[in-house]
C-alpha atoms as a PDB file:
ATOM      1  CA  MET A   1       0.000   0.000   0.000  1.00  0.00           C
ATOM      2  CA  ILE A   2       2.837   2.396   0.733  1.00  0.00           C
ATOM      3  CA  MET A   3       4.467   1.741  -2.655  1.00  0.00           C
ATOM      4  CA  LYS A   4       1.490   2.996  -4.714  1.00  0.00           C
ATOM      5  CA  PRO A   5       1.591   6.614  -3.453  1.00  0.00           C
ATOM      6  CA  PHE A   6       5.379   6.603  -3.838  1.00  0.00           C
ATOM      7  CA  PHE A   7       5.165   5.543  -7.515  1.00  0.00           C
ATOM      8  CA  THR A   8       2.373   8.057  -8.137  1.00  0.00           C
ATOM      9  CA  ARG A   9       4.509  10.872  -6.728  1.00  0.00           C
ATOM     10  CA  LEU A  10       7.595   9.676  -8.580  1.00  0.00           C
ATOM     11  CA  THR A  11       5.676   9.471 -11.876  1.00  0.00           C
ATOM     12  CA  SER A  12       4.224  12.940 -11.320  1.00  0.00           C
ATOM     13  CA  LEU A  13       7.667  14.356 -10.539  1.00  0.00           C
ATOM     14  CA  VAL A  14       9.213  12.776 -13.645  1.00  0.00           C
ATOM     15  CA  ALA A  15       6.337  14.073 -15.823  1.00  0.00           C
ATOM     16  CA  ILE A  16       6.763  17.598 -14.434  1.00  0.00           C
ATOM     17  CA  LEU A  17      10.531  17.487 -15.006  1.00  0.00           C
ATOM     18  CA  ILE A  18      10.106  16.271 -18.589  1.00  0.00           C
ATOM     19  CA  LEU A  19       7.494  18.883 -19.436  1.00  0.00           C
ATOM     20  CA  SER A  20       9.411  21.691 -17.769  1.00  0.00           C
ATOM     21  CA  SER A  21      12.706  20.669 -19.418  1.00  0.00           C
ATOM     22  CA  CYS A  22      11.251  21.730 -22.771  1.00  0.00           C
ATOM     23  CA  THR A  23      10.926  25.274 -21.476  1.00  0.00           C
ATOM     24  CA  PHE A  24      14.583  25.386 -20.399  1.00  0.00           C
ATOM     25  CA  PHE A  25      15.777  24.510 -23.898  1.00  0.00           C
ATOM     26  CA  LYS A  26      17.817  27.305 -25.454  1.00  0.00           C
ATOM     27  CA  ASP A  27      18.041  27.646 -29.226  1.00  0.00           C
ATOM     28  CA  ILE A  28      21.159  26.398 -30.987  1.00  0.00           C
ATOM     29  CA  LYS A  29      22.847  29.351 -32.692  1.00  0.00           C
ATOM     30  CA  ILE A  30      24.458  29.139 -36.133  1.00  0.00           C
ATOM     31  CA  LYS A  31      27.489  31.400 -36.019  1.00  0.00           C
ATOM     32  CA  ASN A  32      29.215  30.694 -39.334  1.00  0.00           C
ATOM     33  CA  VAL A  33      29.263  28.328 -42.319  1.00  0.00           C
ATOM     34  CA  THR A  34      32.594  27.562 -44.020  1.00  0.00           C
ATOM     35  CA  SER A  35      34.165  25.034 -46.396  1.00  0.00           C
ATOM     36  CA  ILE A  36      31.073  24.560 -48.532  1.00  0.00           C
ATOM     37  CA  SER A  37      31.625  21.882 -51.175  1.00  0.00           C
ATOM     38  CA  PRO A  38      28.722  20.834 -53.406  1.00  0.00           C
ATOM     39  CA  THR A  39      28.620  17.680 -55.529  1.00  0.00           C
ATOM     40  CA  ILE A  40      25.902  17.272 -58.164  1.00  0.00           C
ATOM     41  CA  ALA A  41      24.671  13.900 -59.454  1.00  0.00           C
ATOM     42  CA  ASN A  42      21.288  12.664 -60.728  1.00  0.00           C
ATOM     43  CA  LYS A  43      19.208  15.732 -59.794  1.00  0.00           C
ATOM     44  CA  THR A  44      20.693  15.671 -56.290  1.00  0.00           C
ATOM     45  CA  ILE A  45      23.182  18.054 -54.710  1.00  0.00           C
ATOM     46  CA  VAL A  46      25.228  16.670 -51.845  1.00  0.00           C
ATOM     47  CA  LEU A  47      26.347  19.688 -49.849  1.00  0.00           C
ATOM     48  CA  ALA A  48      29.136  19.275 -47.285  1.00  0.00           C
ATOM     49  CA  ALA A  49      30.008  22.180 -45.013  1.00  0.00           C
ATOM     50  CA  ASP A  50      31.511  23.032 -41.660  1.00  0.00           C
ATOM     51  CA  VAL A  51      28.895  24.749 -39.526  1.00  0.00           C
ATOM     52  CA  HIS A  52      29.970  26.654 -36.409  1.00  0.00           C
ATOM     53  CA  LEU A  53      27.274  26.058 -33.772  1.00  0.00           C
ATOM     54  CA  GLN A  54      26.826  27.337 -30.238  1.00  0.00           C
ATOM     55  CA  ASN A  55      24.918  25.190 -27.734  1.00  0.00           C
ATOM     56  CA  GLU A  56      24.389  26.939 -24.396  1.00  0.00           C
ATOM     57  CA  ASN A  57      22.318  24.065 -23.007  1.00  0.00           C
ATOM     58  CA  PRO A  58      23.709  21.872 -20.206  1.00  0.00           C
ATOM     59  CA  PHE A  59      22.916  18.808 -22.340  1.00  0.00           C
ATOM     60  CA  ALA A  60      23.834  17.535 -25.786  1.00  0.00           C
ATOM     61  CA  VAL A  61      21.355  17.959 -28.633  1.00  0.00           C
ATOM     62  CA  LYS A  62      21.045  15.353 -31.384  1.00  0.00           C
ATOM     63  CA  LEU A  63      19.678  16.328 -34.812  1.00  0.00           C
ATOM     64  CA  LYS A  64      18.265  13.215 -36.453  1.00  0.00           C
ATOM     65  CA  GLU A  65      16.385  14.089 -39.630  1.00  0.00           C
ATOM     66  CA  SER A  66      14.938  16.942 -41.606  1.00  0.00           C
ATOM     67  CA  ASN A  67      12.095  17.482 -44.012  1.00  0.00           C
ATOM     68  CA  ILE A  68      12.751  20.942 -45.410  1.00  0.00           C
ATOM     69  CA  SER A  69      11.860  22.570 -48.721  1.00  0.00           C
ATOM     70  CA  VAL A  70      13.904  25.433 -50.188  1.00  0.00           C
ATOM     71  CA  SER A  71      12.747  28.026 -52.694  1.00  0.00           C
ATOM     72  CA  ILE A  72      14.354  31.061 -54.297  1.00  0.00           C
ATOM     73  CA  ASP A  73      12.089  33.993 -55.135  1.00  0.00           C
ATOM     74  CA  GLU A  74       9.067  31.684 -54.653  1.00  0.00           C
ATOM     75  CA  LYS A  75      10.360  29.082 -57.157  1.00  0.00           C
ATOM     76  CA  ALA A  76      10.979  25.602 -55.697  1.00  0.00           C
ATOM     77  CA  ILE A  77      14.596  24.474 -55.601  1.00  0.00           C
ATOM     78  CA  GLY A  78      14.171  21.156 -53.818  1.00  0.00           C
ATOM     79  CA  ASP A  79      13.882  19.178 -50.619  1.00  0.00           C
ATOM     80  CA  VAL A  80      16.716  19.092 -48.087  1.00  0.00           C
ATOM     81  CA  SER A  81      17.506  16.186 -45.783  1.00  0.00           C
ATOM     82  CA  LEU A  82      20.317  15.443 -43.341  1.00  0.00           C
ATOM     83  CA  VAL A  83      22.640  12.648 -44.488  1.00  0.00           C
ATOM     84  CA  ASP A  84      24.064  11.884 -41.029  1.00  0.00           C
ATOM     85  CA  LYS A  85      22.917  12.544 -37.488  1.00  0.00           C
ATOM     86  CA  ILE A  86      24.628  15.471 -35.772  1.00  0.00           C
ATOM     87  CA  VAL A  87      25.373  15.456 -32.045  1.00  0.00           C
ATOM     88  CA  ILE A  88      25.967  18.967 -30.721  1.00  0.00           C
ATOM     89  CA  GLN A  89      27.914  18.699 -27.488  1.00  0.00           C
ATOM     90  CA  ARG A  90      26.679  20.424 -24.328  1.00  0.00           C
ATOM     91  CA  LYS A  91      27.993  23.925 -23.536  1.00  0.00           C
ATOM     92  CA  SER A  92      29.933  23.982 -26.810  1.00  0.00           C
ATOM     93  CA  ASP A  93      30.932  26.626 -29.315  1.00  0.00           C
ATOM     94  CA  THR A  94      32.570  24.690 -32.151  1.00  0.00           C
ATOM     95  CA  SER A  95      32.325  23.619 -35.804  1.00  0.00           C
ATOM     96  CA  TYR A  96      30.589  20.431 -36.909  1.00  0.00           C
ATOM     97  CA  PRO A  97      30.724  18.748 -40.314  1.00  0.00           C
ATOM     98  CA  VAL A  98      27.236  18.774 -41.845  1.00  0.00           C
ATOM     99  CA  LYS A  99      26.234  16.825 -44.941  1.00  0.00           C
ATOM    100  CA  LEU A 100      22.936  17.575 -46.692  1.00  0.00           C
ATOM    101  CA  ASN A 101      21.132  16.017 -49.652  1.00  0.00           C
ATOM    102  CA  ILE A 102      19.177  18.447 -51.792  1.00  0.00           C
ATOM    103  CA  LYS A 103      16.806  16.635 -54.150  1.00  0.00           C
ATOM    104  CA  LEU A 104      16.321  19.170 -56.917  1.00  0.00           C
ATOM    105  CA  ALA A 105      12.888  20.082 -58.248  1.00  0.00           C
ATOM    106  CA  ASP A 106      12.238  20.289 -61.992  1.00  0.00           C
ATOM    107  CA  GLY A 107      13.850  23.449 -63.389  1.00  0.00           C
ATOM    108  CA  ALA A 108      15.889  24.079 -60.217  1.00  0.00           C
ATOM    109  CA  MET A 109      19.264  24.291 -62.002  1.00  0.00           C
ATOM    110  CA  PHE A 110      17.871  26.933 -64.360  1.00  0.00           C
ATOM    111  CA  THR A 111      16.544  28.894 -61.364  1.00  0.00           C
ATOM    112  CA  LEU A 112      19.947  28.673 -59.644  1.00  0.00           C
ATOM    113  CA  LEU A 113      21.783  29.826 -62.788  1.00  0.00           C
ATOM    114  CA  ARG A 114      19.375  32.700 -63.407  1.00  0.00           C
ATOM    115  CA  ASN A 115      19.674  33.961 -59.813  1.00  0.00           C
ATOM    116  CA  ALA A 116      23.449  33.499 -59.491  1.00  0.00           C
ATOM    117  CA  PHE A 117      24.063  36.844 -61.192  1.00  0.00           C
ATOM    118  CA  LYS A 118      21.530  38.875 -59.228  1.00  0.00           C
ATOM    119  CA  LYS A 119      22.640  41.246 -56.536  1.00  0.00           C
ATOM    120  CA  GLU A 120      20.128  39.871 -54.001  1.00  0.00           C
ATOM    121  CA  VAL A 121      17.855  36.830 -53.911  1.00  0.00           C
ATOM    122  CA  THR A 122      15.223  35.816 -51.380  1.00  0.00           C
ATOM    123  CA  ILE A 123      15.540  32.279 -50.011  1.00  0.00           C
ATOM    124  CA  THR A 124      12.639  30.650 -48.172  1.00  0.00           C
ATOM    125  CA  ILE A 125      13.185  27.570 -46.008  1.00  0.00           C
ATOM    126  CA  LYS A 126      10.140  25.693 -44.686  1.00  0.00           C
ATOM    127  CA  GLY A 127       9.729  22.349 -42.981  1.00  0.00           C
ATOM    128  CA  THR A 128      10.638  20.436 -39.853  1.00  0.00           C
ATOM    129  CA  LEU A 129      13.796  19.355 -38.088  1.00  0.00           C
ATOM    130  CA  LYS A 130      13.626  16.365 -35.759  1.00  0.00           C
ATOM    131  CA  GLY A 131      15.997  15.872 -32.885  1.00  0.00           C
ATOM    132  CA  SER A 132      16.241  14.970 -29.248  1.00  0.00           C
ATOM    133  CA  ALA A 133      17.669  16.295 -26.012  1.00  0.00           C
ATOM    134  CA  LEU A 134      18.055  14.148 -22.896  1.00  0.00           C
ATOM    135  CA  GLY A 135      16.371  11.343 -24.852  1.00  0.00           C
ATOM    136  CA  ILE A 136      13.222  13.424 -25.317  1.00  0.00           C
ATOM    137  CA  PRO A 137      12.248  13.762 -29.001  1.00  0.00           C
ATOM    138  CA  LYS A 138      11.423  17.203 -30.314  1.00  0.00           C
ATOM    139  CA  THR A 139      10.231  18.445 -33.702  1.00  0.00           C
ATOM    140  CA  ILE A 140      11.065  22.022 -34.609  1.00  0.00           C
ATOM    141  CA  ALA A 141       9.070  23.860 -37.262  1.00  0.00           C
ATOM    142  CA  ILE A 142      11.181  26.022 -39.566  1.00  0.00           C
ATOM    143  CA  ASN A 143       9.801  28.904 -41.618  1.00  0.00           C
ATOM    144  CA  GLU A 144      12.572  31.351 -42.503  1.00  0.00           C
ATOM    145  CA  THR A 145      12.946  33.894 -45.291  1.00  0.00           C
ATOM    146  CA  LYS A 146      16.322  35.554 -45.857  1.00  0.00           C
ATOM    147  CA  THR A 147      17.798  37.854 -48.477  1.00  0.00           C
ATOM    148  CA  ILE A 148      21.304  36.831 -49.567  1.00  0.00           C
ATOM    149  CA  ASP A 149      23.864  37.860 -52.177  1.00  0.00           C
ATOM    150  CA  GLY A 150      23.143  36.054 -55.453  1.00  0.00           C
ATOM    151  CA  ASN A 151      26.873  35.416 -55.983  1.00  0.00           C
ATOM    152  CA  LEU A 152      26.702  32.750 -53.249  1.00  0.00           C
ATOM    153  CA  LEU A 153      24.732  30.567 -55.674  1.00  0.00           C
ATOM    154  CA  LYS A 154      27.628  30.420 -58.146  1.00  0.00           C
ATOM    155  CA  SER A 155      29.379  27.693 -56.129  1.00  0.00           C
ATOM    156  CA  LEU A 156      26.351  25.425 -56.663  1.00  0.00           C
ATOM    157  CA  ASN A 157      26.591  25.769 -60.442  1.00  0.00           C
ATOM    158  CA  ASN A 158      30.176  24.489 -60.826  1.00  0.00           C
END
């Protein structure tokens, strides 16, 4: 009889800790992207880069998969997915190798070529990123629009 209230309290405490841990999660900051090297084959771009990330959380964060679509000036470029899982160490401020597959949409190479010579282009990124922290899965919705220099697209056309 004594064990039942103990397990009820323990379960309640664990549930409260799990639910409240989501509120203590700080965003991972992207500080810089370097060493970008694209490879194109069969309507797919494999993009390898070193991404400098800052994790202020007292726990590691694991990025498992992504389902993200990219468009330039409202024209679809393709769908982006992570090739490998990324484990971002706790309390870190360091670079991680990131490998992405970009499955190109029809006409995407023409869109990239046309926009590579523009002064500015608008990139829209929409989708979800799945990961976990402390073994708790989390899905993050992404809906970002940024204006970048069109010359950055030239490296994708080589």
